[in-house]
Amino acid sequence: MHRTYSLRNQRIPTASQIQNPPPPPSTTKSRFFGKASIASTFRKNAAGNFGPDLARKLSQLVSTEKGVLRSLEVVAYERRAAARQLSLWGADNDDDVSDVTDKLGVLIFELGELQDQFIDKYDQYRVTLKSIRNIEASVQPTRNRKEKVTDEIAHLKYKDPHSPKIPVLEQELVRAEAESLVAEAQLSNITREKMKAAYNYQFDSMRELAEKFALIAGYGKALLELLDDSPVTPGETRPAYDGYDASKQIIMDAEAALEAWTLDAAAVKPTLSFHQTVDDVYDDLDEEDDQMVPEGEWVEEEEIVEEIPEEEEDDGQGEEEEVEEESEQQHYDDHHVE
């Protein structure tokens, strides 16, 4: 994760990365054209150089997501090809390896099929983003018209303050501002609505793909338990493999689990560390204040009650001391007179 919690700032290496530097980049990554292909880079730059200014950044995002879809298509195709090749390789091995690799090929092939389904749902997210881009492109002319009329009025007021065209342009500016307000409000509403819908498509499809991948991974590890990996000495034969029924049942269970999975029954659920709404926060604070105020008042009353007897006791002691001093003074005066 980004330590800065934002993609707009430079990424800071974590303590673990400083202590254990990451491995060198993979040799399969392209170094001639950079991290992206030349076609993807060209599409992104072309989308950002043409069209209305307001829609250029979103056009680049839509174009980049198209490259993501094409990459996912390649991954899905290659994964299915790898599954077939795994099954072909295992066919020439011992019975246990042959059976397990064949069943693993079935599971890995299913991963490719799930990625194909994910691509279709991911495309819905991209199409929804395109609708926001189209609205942005339609709002740009109203902005341009408003700016053009404003500039013309300013130019005429500077060149010919008494020009009869100024009132006409001011009326046109009023109409342009009204159209701009309507367009901006429509853009604001549609942007939030479509953005929420688009990323709901994306995150729901990601969640489905991830949890189904996790299911397949679990059944794949169950298949690996059927392999007897205990070492044998030269000349020793392994026990006969009898896991055909078990491997078939694992595949059937995996198929049933994938068909029964629903978004409501998802195992992974996010947990948030903050209150859901502002009202919850203020309600909690009000309850704490209500509980604390009576206690404070009761403490003050107790302190007052405790302080009053102390003052009375002090007054009593003071009177006794004054009486003793007067008696001593009287005794001294009588003795002096004698």
Protein backbone atom coordinates (compact mmCIF):
# COMPACT_ATOMS: atom_id res chain seq x y z
CA MET A 1 0.00 0.00 0.00
CA HIS A 2 1.07 3.59 -0.51
CA ARG A 3 2.43 5.02 2.73
CA THR A 4 1.14 8.45 1.74
CA TYR A 5 -2.41 7.04 1.22
CA SER A 6 -2.62 8.91 -2.08
CA LEU A 7 -1.44 8.30 -5.63
CA ARG A 8 -0.80 12.03 -6.07
CA ASN A 9 2.28 11.93 -3.85
CA GLN A 10 5.52 10.05 -4.23
CA ARG A 11 5.57 6.58 -2.77
CA ILE A 12 7.72 6.19 0.35
CA PRO A 13 9.48 2.84 0.90
CA THR A 14 8.36 0.92 3.96
CA ALA A 15 10.68 -0.22 6.74
CA SER A 16 10.52 -3.81 5.49
CA GLN A 17 11.47 -2.68 1.97
CA ILE A 18 14.45 -0.76 3.34
CA GLN A 19 15.57 -3.75 5.40
CA ASN A 20 14.84 -6.30 2.65
CA PRO A 21 15.12 -4.63 -0.77
CA PRO A 22 12.72 -6.00 -3.41
CA PRO A 23 14.04 -8.45 -6.01
CA PRO A 24 15.11 -7.21 -9.45
CA PRO A 25 12.33 -6.74 -12.03
CA SER A 26 11.15 -9.71 -14.02
CA THR A 27 12.99 -10.47 -17.24
CA THR A 28 9.65 -10.80 -19.06
CA LYS A 29 8.85 -7.10 -18.65
CA SER A 30 9.31 -4.95 -21.72
CA ARG A 31 12.33 -2.64 -21.49
CA PHE A 32 12.29 -1.17 -24.97
CA PHE A 33 8.86 0.48 -24.81
CA GLY A 34 8.71 0.84 -21.01
CA LYS A 35 6.09 -0.67 -18.74
CA ALA A 36 3.29 -0.29 -21.31
CA SER A 37 3.16 -1.39 -24.92
CA ILE A 38 3.66 1.15 -27.68
CA ALA A 39 0.04 0.73 -28.80
CA SER A 40 -1.28 1.42 -25.29
CA THR A 41 0.93 4.49 -24.92
CA PHE A 42 -0.17 5.81 -28.32
CA ARG A 43 -3.88 5.34 -27.51
CA LYS A 44 -3.53 7.11 -24.17
CA ASN A 45 -1.68 10.10 -25.65
CA ALA A 46 -4.10 10.36 -28.57
CA ALA A 47 -7.09 10.37 -26.21
CA GLY A 48 -5.53 13.20 -24.18
CA ASN A 49 -4.63 15.36 -27.18
CA PHE A 50 -8.00 15.43 -28.93
CA GLY A 51 -11.54 16.24 -27.90
CA PRO A 52 -12.92 18.83 -25.47
CA ASP A 53 -10.60 19.97 -22.68
CA LEU A 54 -13.07 18.98 -19.98
CA ALA A 55 -13.25 15.36 -21.15
CA ARG A 56 -9.57 14.72 -21.96
CA LYS A 57 -8.49 13.27 -18.61
CA LEU A 58 -11.44 10.92 -18.45
CA SER A 59 -10.84 9.97 -22.09
CA GLN A 60 -7.33 8.94 -21.11
CA LEU A 61 -8.73 6.84 -18.26
CA VAL A 62 -11.22 5.11 -20.58
CA SER A 63 -8.46 4.44 -23.09
CA THR A 64 -6.18 3.05 -20.39
CA GLU A 65 -8.95 0.75 -19.15
CA LYS A 66 -9.30 -0.55 -22.70
CA GLY A 67 -5.66 -1.57 -22.52
CA VAL A 68 -6.37 -3.28 -19.19
CA LEU A 69 -9.19 -5.27 -20.82
CA ARG A 70 -6.96 -6.39 -23.67
CA SER A 71 -4.29 -7.48 -21.20
CA LEU A 72 -6.88 -9.43 -19.22
CA GLU A 73 -8.00 -11.16 -22.41
CA VAL A 74 -4.41 -12.24 -23.06
CA VAL A 75 -4.04 -13.49 -19.48
CA ALA A 76 -7.27 -15.51 -19.70
CA TYR A 77 -6.23 -17.08 -23.01
CA GLU A 78 -2.72 -17.93 -21.80
CA ARG A 79 -4.07 -19.41 -18.58
CA ARG A 80 -6.33 -21.80 -20.48
CA ALA A 81 -3.42 -22.73 -22.74
CA ALA A 82 -1.27 -23.41 -19.67
CA ALA A 83 -3.99 -25.65 -18.22
CA ARG A 84 -4.08 -27.75 -21.39
CA GLN A 85 -0.31 -28.02 -21.44
CA LEU A 86 -0.22 -29.11 -17.80
CA SER A 87 -2.65 -31.92 -18.56
CA LEU A 88 -0.63 -33.01 -21.59
CA TRP A 89 2.61 -33.05 -19.62
CA GLY A 90 1.13 -35.08 -16.77
CA ALA A 91 -0.32 -37.73 -19.07
CA ASP A 92 3.12 -39.32 -19.58
CA ASN A 93 3.88 -39.57 -15.83
CA ASP A 94 2.85 -42.06 -13.16
CA ASP A 95 -0.80 -42.68 -12.38
CA ASP A 96 -0.98 -40.32 -9.42
CA VAL A 97 0.81 -37.47 -11.19
CA SER A 98 -1.25 -38.06 -14.34
CA ASP A 99 -4.57 -37.94 -12.49
CA VAL A 100 -3.71 -34.97 -10.28
CA THR A 101 -2.28 -32.86 -13.12
CA ASP A 102 -5.34 -33.60 -15.24
CA LYS A 103 -7.66 -32.44 -12.45
CA LEU A 104 -5.45 -29.42 -11.73
CA GLY A 105 -5.70 -28.56 -15.41
CA VAL A 106 -9.48 -28.56 -15.06
CA LEU A 107 -9.31 -26.12 -12.14
CA ILE A 108 -6.78 -23.83 -13.84
CA PHE A 109 -8.85 -23.86 -17.03
CA GLU A 110 -11.80 -22.75 -14.90
CA LEU A 111 -9.68 -19.82 -13.70
CA GLY A 112 -9.37 -18.69 -17.30
CA GLU A 113 -13.13 -19.02 -17.78
CA LEU A 114 -13.76 -16.93 -14.67
CA GLN A 115 -11.42 -14.26 -15.99
CA ASP A 116 -13.41 -14.19 -19.23
CA GLN A 117 -16.57 -13.56 -17.22
CA PHE A 118 -14.74 -10.89 -15.24
CA ILE A 119 -13.77 -9.15 -18.49
CA ASP A 120 -17.42 -8.87 -19.52
CA LYS A 121 -18.37 -7.32 -16.18
CA TYR A 122 -15.30 -5.09 -16.18
CA ASP A 123 -16.37 -3.74 -19.55
CA GLN A 124 -19.65 -2.58 -17.99
CA TYR A 125 -17.58 -0.43 -15.63
CA ARG A 126 -15.68 1.06 -18.58
CA VAL A 127 -18.85 1.76 -20.59
CA THR A 128 -20.37 3.55 -17.59
CA LEU A 129 -17.29 5.77 -17.35
CA LYS A 130 -17.71 6.60 -21.03
CA SER A 131 -21.17 8.00 -20.30
CA ILE A 132 -19.58 10.49 -17.87
CA ARG A 133 -17.06 11.41 -20.56
CA ASN A 134 -19.86 12.07 -23.05
CA ILE A 135 -21.63 14.39 -20.60
CA GLU A 136 -18.38 16.27 -19.97
CA ALA A 137 -17.91 16.68 -23.71
CA SER A 138 -21.45 18.08 -24.06
CA VAL A 139 -20.92 20.60 -21.23
CA GLN A 140 -17.76 22.05 -22.77
CA PRO A 141 -19.56 24.04 -25.55
CA THR A 142 -21.77 25.83 -23.01
CA ARG A 143 -18.68 26.86 -21.04
CA ASN A 144 -16.97 28.06 -24.20
CA ARG A 145 -20.01 30.09 -25.24
CA LYS A 146 -20.26 31.76 -21.84
CA GLU A 147 -16.56 32.64 -21.85
CA LYS A 148 -16.76 33.97 -25.41
CA VAL A 149 -19.71 36.29 -24.67
CA THR A 150 -18.02 37.51 -21.48
CA ASP A 151 -14.84 38.34 -23.39
CA GLU A 152 -16.79 40.18 -26.10
CA ILE A 153 -18.60 42.32 -23.53
CA ALA A 154 -15.35 43.18 -21.77
CA HIS A 155 -13.73 44.07 -25.10
CA LEU A 156 -16.61 46.34 -26.16
CA LYS A 157 -16.75 48.09 -22.79
CA TYR A 158 -13.07 48.86 -23.10
CA LYS A 159 -13.17 49.91 -26.77
CA ASP A 160 -16.63 51.53 -27.03
CA PRO A 161 -18.48 51.82 -23.70
CA HIS A 162 -21.60 53.23 -25.40
CA SER A 163 -21.88 50.55 -28.07
CA PRO A 164 -25.48 49.37 -28.73
CA LYS A 165 -24.22 45.79 -28.93
CA ILE A 166 -23.47 45.66 -25.20
CA PRO A 167 -27.12 45.26 -24.03
CA VAL A 168 -27.69 42.57 -26.66
CA LEU A 169 -24.59 40.69 -25.55
CA GLU A 170 -25.58 41.03 -21.90
CA GLN A 171 -28.93 39.40 -22.64
CA GLU A 172 -27.13 36.66 -24.51
CA LEU A 173 -24.80 36.26 -21.53
CA VAL A 174 -27.80 35.78 -19.23
CA ARG A 175 -29.11 33.00 -21.47
CA ALA A 176 -25.64 31.44 -21.68
CA GLU A 177 -25.28 31.49 -17.90
CA ALA A 178 -28.68 29.85 -17.49
CA GLU A 179 -27.75 27.10 -19.96
CA SER A 180 -24.40 26.68 -18.22
CA LEU A 181 -26.05 26.33 -14.81
CA VAL A 182 -28.36 23.61 -16.10
CA ALA A 183 -25.50 21.78 -17.81
CA GLU A 184 -23.23 22.01 -14.76
CA ALA A 185 -25.95 20.70 -12.46
CA GLN A 186 -26.62 17.82 -14.84
CA LEU A 187 -22.91 17.05 -15.01
CA SER A 188 -22.59 17.10 -11.21
CA ASN A 189 -25.53 14.74 -10.72
CA ILE A 190 -24.62 12.32 -13.49
CA THR A 191 -20.95 12.23 -12.48
CA ARG A 192 -21.78 11.03 -8.98
CA GLU A 193 -24.49 8.63 -10.10
CA LYS A 194 -22.46 7.02 -12.89
CA MET A 195 -19.22 6.95 -10.92
CA LYS A 196 -20.91 5.09 -8.08
CA ALA A 197 -22.52 2.64 -10.50
CA ALA A 198 -19.29 2.12 -12.46
CA TYR A 199 -17.13 1.28 -9.48
CA ASN A 200 -19.84 -0.88 -7.98
CA TYR A 201 -19.62 -2.93 -11.18
CA GLN A 202 -15.86 -3.11 -10.86
CA PHE A 203 -15.61 -3.94 -7.16
CA ASP A 204 -18.44 -6.48 -7.25
CA SER A 205 -16.80 -8.27 -10.17
CA MET A 206 -13.41 -8.12 -8.43
CA ARG A 207 -14.89 -9.55 -5.27
CA GLU A 208 -16.56 -12.37 -7.15
CA LEU A 209 -13.40 -13.20 -9.07
CA ALA A 210 -11.19 -13.08 -5.97
CA GLU A 211 -13.43 -15.29 -3.84
CA LYS A 212 -13.93 -17.82 -6.63
CA PHE A 213 -10.17 -17.87 -7.17
CA ALA A 214 -9.78 -18.55 -3.44
CA LEU A 215 -12.26 -21.43 -3.67
CA ILE A 216 -10.40 -22.98 -6.59
CA ALA A 217 -7.09 -22.54 -4.77
CA GLY A 218 -8.48 -24.43 -1.78
CA TYR A 219 -9.69 -27.35 -3.90
CA GLY A 220 -6.38 -27.33 -5.78
CA LYS A 221 -4.48 -27.77 -2.53
CA ALA A 222 -6.84 -30.62 -1.65
CA LEU A 223 -5.86 -32.32 -4.91
CA LEU A 224 -2.19 -31.97 -4.05
CA GLU A 225 -2.79 -33.93 -0.84
CA LEU A 226 -3.54 -36.99 -3.01
CA LEU A 227 0.08 -37.06 -4.17
CA ASP A 228 2.38 -39.32 -2.18
CA ASP A 229 5.59 -37.30 -1.95
CA SER A 230 7.39 -39.60 0.47
CA PRO A 231 10.87 -40.46 -0.88
CA VAL A 232 11.57 -43.96 -2.18
CA THR A 233 14.86 -45.80 -2.38
CA PRO A 234 16.23 -47.02 -5.70
CA GLY A 235 14.40 -50.16 -6.79
CA GLU A 236 11.46 -49.54 -4.47
CA THR A 237 8.00 -49.19 -6.00
CA ARG A 238 5.36 -46.78 -4.78
CA PRO A 239 2.00 -48.04 -3.57
CA ALA A 240 -0.71 -48.22 -6.19
CA TYR A 241 -2.63 -44.97 -6.62
CA ASP A 242 -6.27 -45.17 -5.57
CA GLY A 243 -7.31 -41.51 -5.54
CA TYR A 244 -9.37 -41.42 -8.73
CA ASP A 245 -12.69 -41.26 -6.93
CA ALA A 246 -11.39 -38.67 -4.46
CA SER A 247 -10.00 -36.41 -7.19
CA LYS A 248 -13.24 -36.64 -9.14
CA GLN A 249 -15.23 -35.76 -6.02
CA ILE A 250 -13.00 -32.74 -5.38
CA ILE A 251 -13.74 -31.43 -8.88
CA MET A 252 -17.47 -31.98 -8.35
CA ASP A 253 -17.34 -30.18 -5.00
CA ALA A 254 -15.46 -27.29 -6.58
CA GLU A 255 -18.06 -27.00 -9.33
CA ALA A 256 -20.90 -27.05 -6.79
CA ALA A 257 -19.20 -24.40 -4.63
CA LEU A 258 -18.68 -22.09 -7.60
CA GLU A 259 -22.29 -22.45 -8.71
CA ALA A 260 -23.63 -21.86 -5.18
CA TRP A 261 -21.54 -18.73 -4.56
CA THR A 262 -23.46 -15.46 -4.31
CA LEU A 263 -22.39 -11.93 -3.45
CA ASP A 264 -24.52 -11.97 -0.29
CA ALA A 265 -22.67 -15.05 0.98
CA ALA A 266 -19.21 -13.53 0.44
CA ALA A 267 -16.73 -14.59 3.10
CA VAL A 268 -14.54 -11.48 3.05
CA LYS A 269 -16.28 -8.38 4.40
CA PRO A 270 -14.54 -5.02 4.96
CA THR A 271 -14.36 -3.53 8.44
CA LEU A 272 -14.21 0.23 8.94
CA SER A 273 -12.47 1.93 11.85
CA PHE A 274 -14.66 5.04 11.86
CA HIS A 275 -18.31 5.92 12.47
CA GLN A 276 -20.65 5.47 9.56
CA THR A 277 -22.34 8.89 9.83
CA VAL A 278 -21.70 12.21 11.48
CA ASP A 279 -24.90 11.83 13.51
CA ASP A 280 -23.50 8.72 15.16
CA VAL A 281 -20.46 10.67 16.31
CA TYR A 282 -22.43 13.57 17.76
CA ASP A 283 -25.00 11.29 19.36
CA ASP A 284 -22.23 9.47 21.20
CA LEU A 285 -20.68 12.74 22.34
CA ASP A 286 -24.03 14.04 23.62
CA GLU A 287 -24.58 10.86 25.61
CA GLU A 288 -21.13 11.19 27.18
CA ASP A 289 -21.80 14.83 28.09
CA ASP A 290 -25.15 13.93 29.67
CA GLN A 291 -23.44 11.32 31.79
CA MET A 292 -20.58 13.59 32.86
CA VAL A 293 -22.51 16.78 33.82
CA PRO A 294 -24.52 15.38 36.80
CA GLU A 295 -21.38 13.79 38.21
CA GLY A 296 -19.55 17.12 38.06
CA GLU A 297 -22.41 18.95 39.78
CA TRP A 298 -22.60 16.32 42.54
CA VAL A 299 -18.87 16.60 43.18
CA GLU A 300 -19.10 20.37 43.49
CA GLU A 301 -21.97 20.07 46.01
CA GLU A 302 -19.99 17.58 48.06
CA GLU A 303 -16.99 19.89 48.10
CA ILE A 304 -19.17 22.77 49.29
CA VAL A 305 -20.76 20.64 51.99
CA GLU A 306 -17.36 19.48 53.16
CA GLU A 307 -15.91 22.99 53.19
CA ILE A 308 -18.63 24.54 55.37
CA PRO A 309 -17.91 22.49 58.55
CA GLU A 310 -14.21 23.23 58.19
CA GLU A 311 -14.91 26.98 58.21
CA GLU A 312 -17.17 26.62 61.29
CA GLU A 313 -14.51 24.62 63.10
CA ASP A 314 -11.92 27.27 62.27
CA ASP A 315 -14.21 29.99 63.67
CA GLY A 316 -14.70 28.04 66.91
CA GLN A 317 -11.00 27.53 67.37
CA GLY A 318 -10.39 31.24 66.76
CA GLU A 319 -12.88 32.26 69.47
CA GLU A 320 -11.26 29.90 72.01
CA GLU A 321 -7.83 31.33 71.23
CA GLU A 322 -9.12 34.90 71.72
CA VAL A 323 -10.66 33.98 75.12
CA GLU A 324 -7.38 32.40 76.25
CA GLU A 325 -5.40 35.48 75.18
CA GLU A 326 -7.78 37.81 77.06
CA SER A 327 -7.53 35.70 80.24
CA GLU A 328 -3.73 35.66 80.05
CA GLN A 329 -3.65 39.44 79.52
CA GLN A 330 -5.98 39.98 82.49
CA HIS A 331 -3.82 37.73 84.67
CA TYR A 332 -0.70 39.67 83.63
CA ASP A 333 -2.32 43.04 84.40
CA ASP A 334 -3.47 41.90 87.86
CA HIS A 335 -0.02 40.61 88.69
CA HIS A 336 1.60 43.84 87.51
CA VAL A 337 -0.75 45.97 89.63
CA GLU A 338 0.09 43.99 92.75
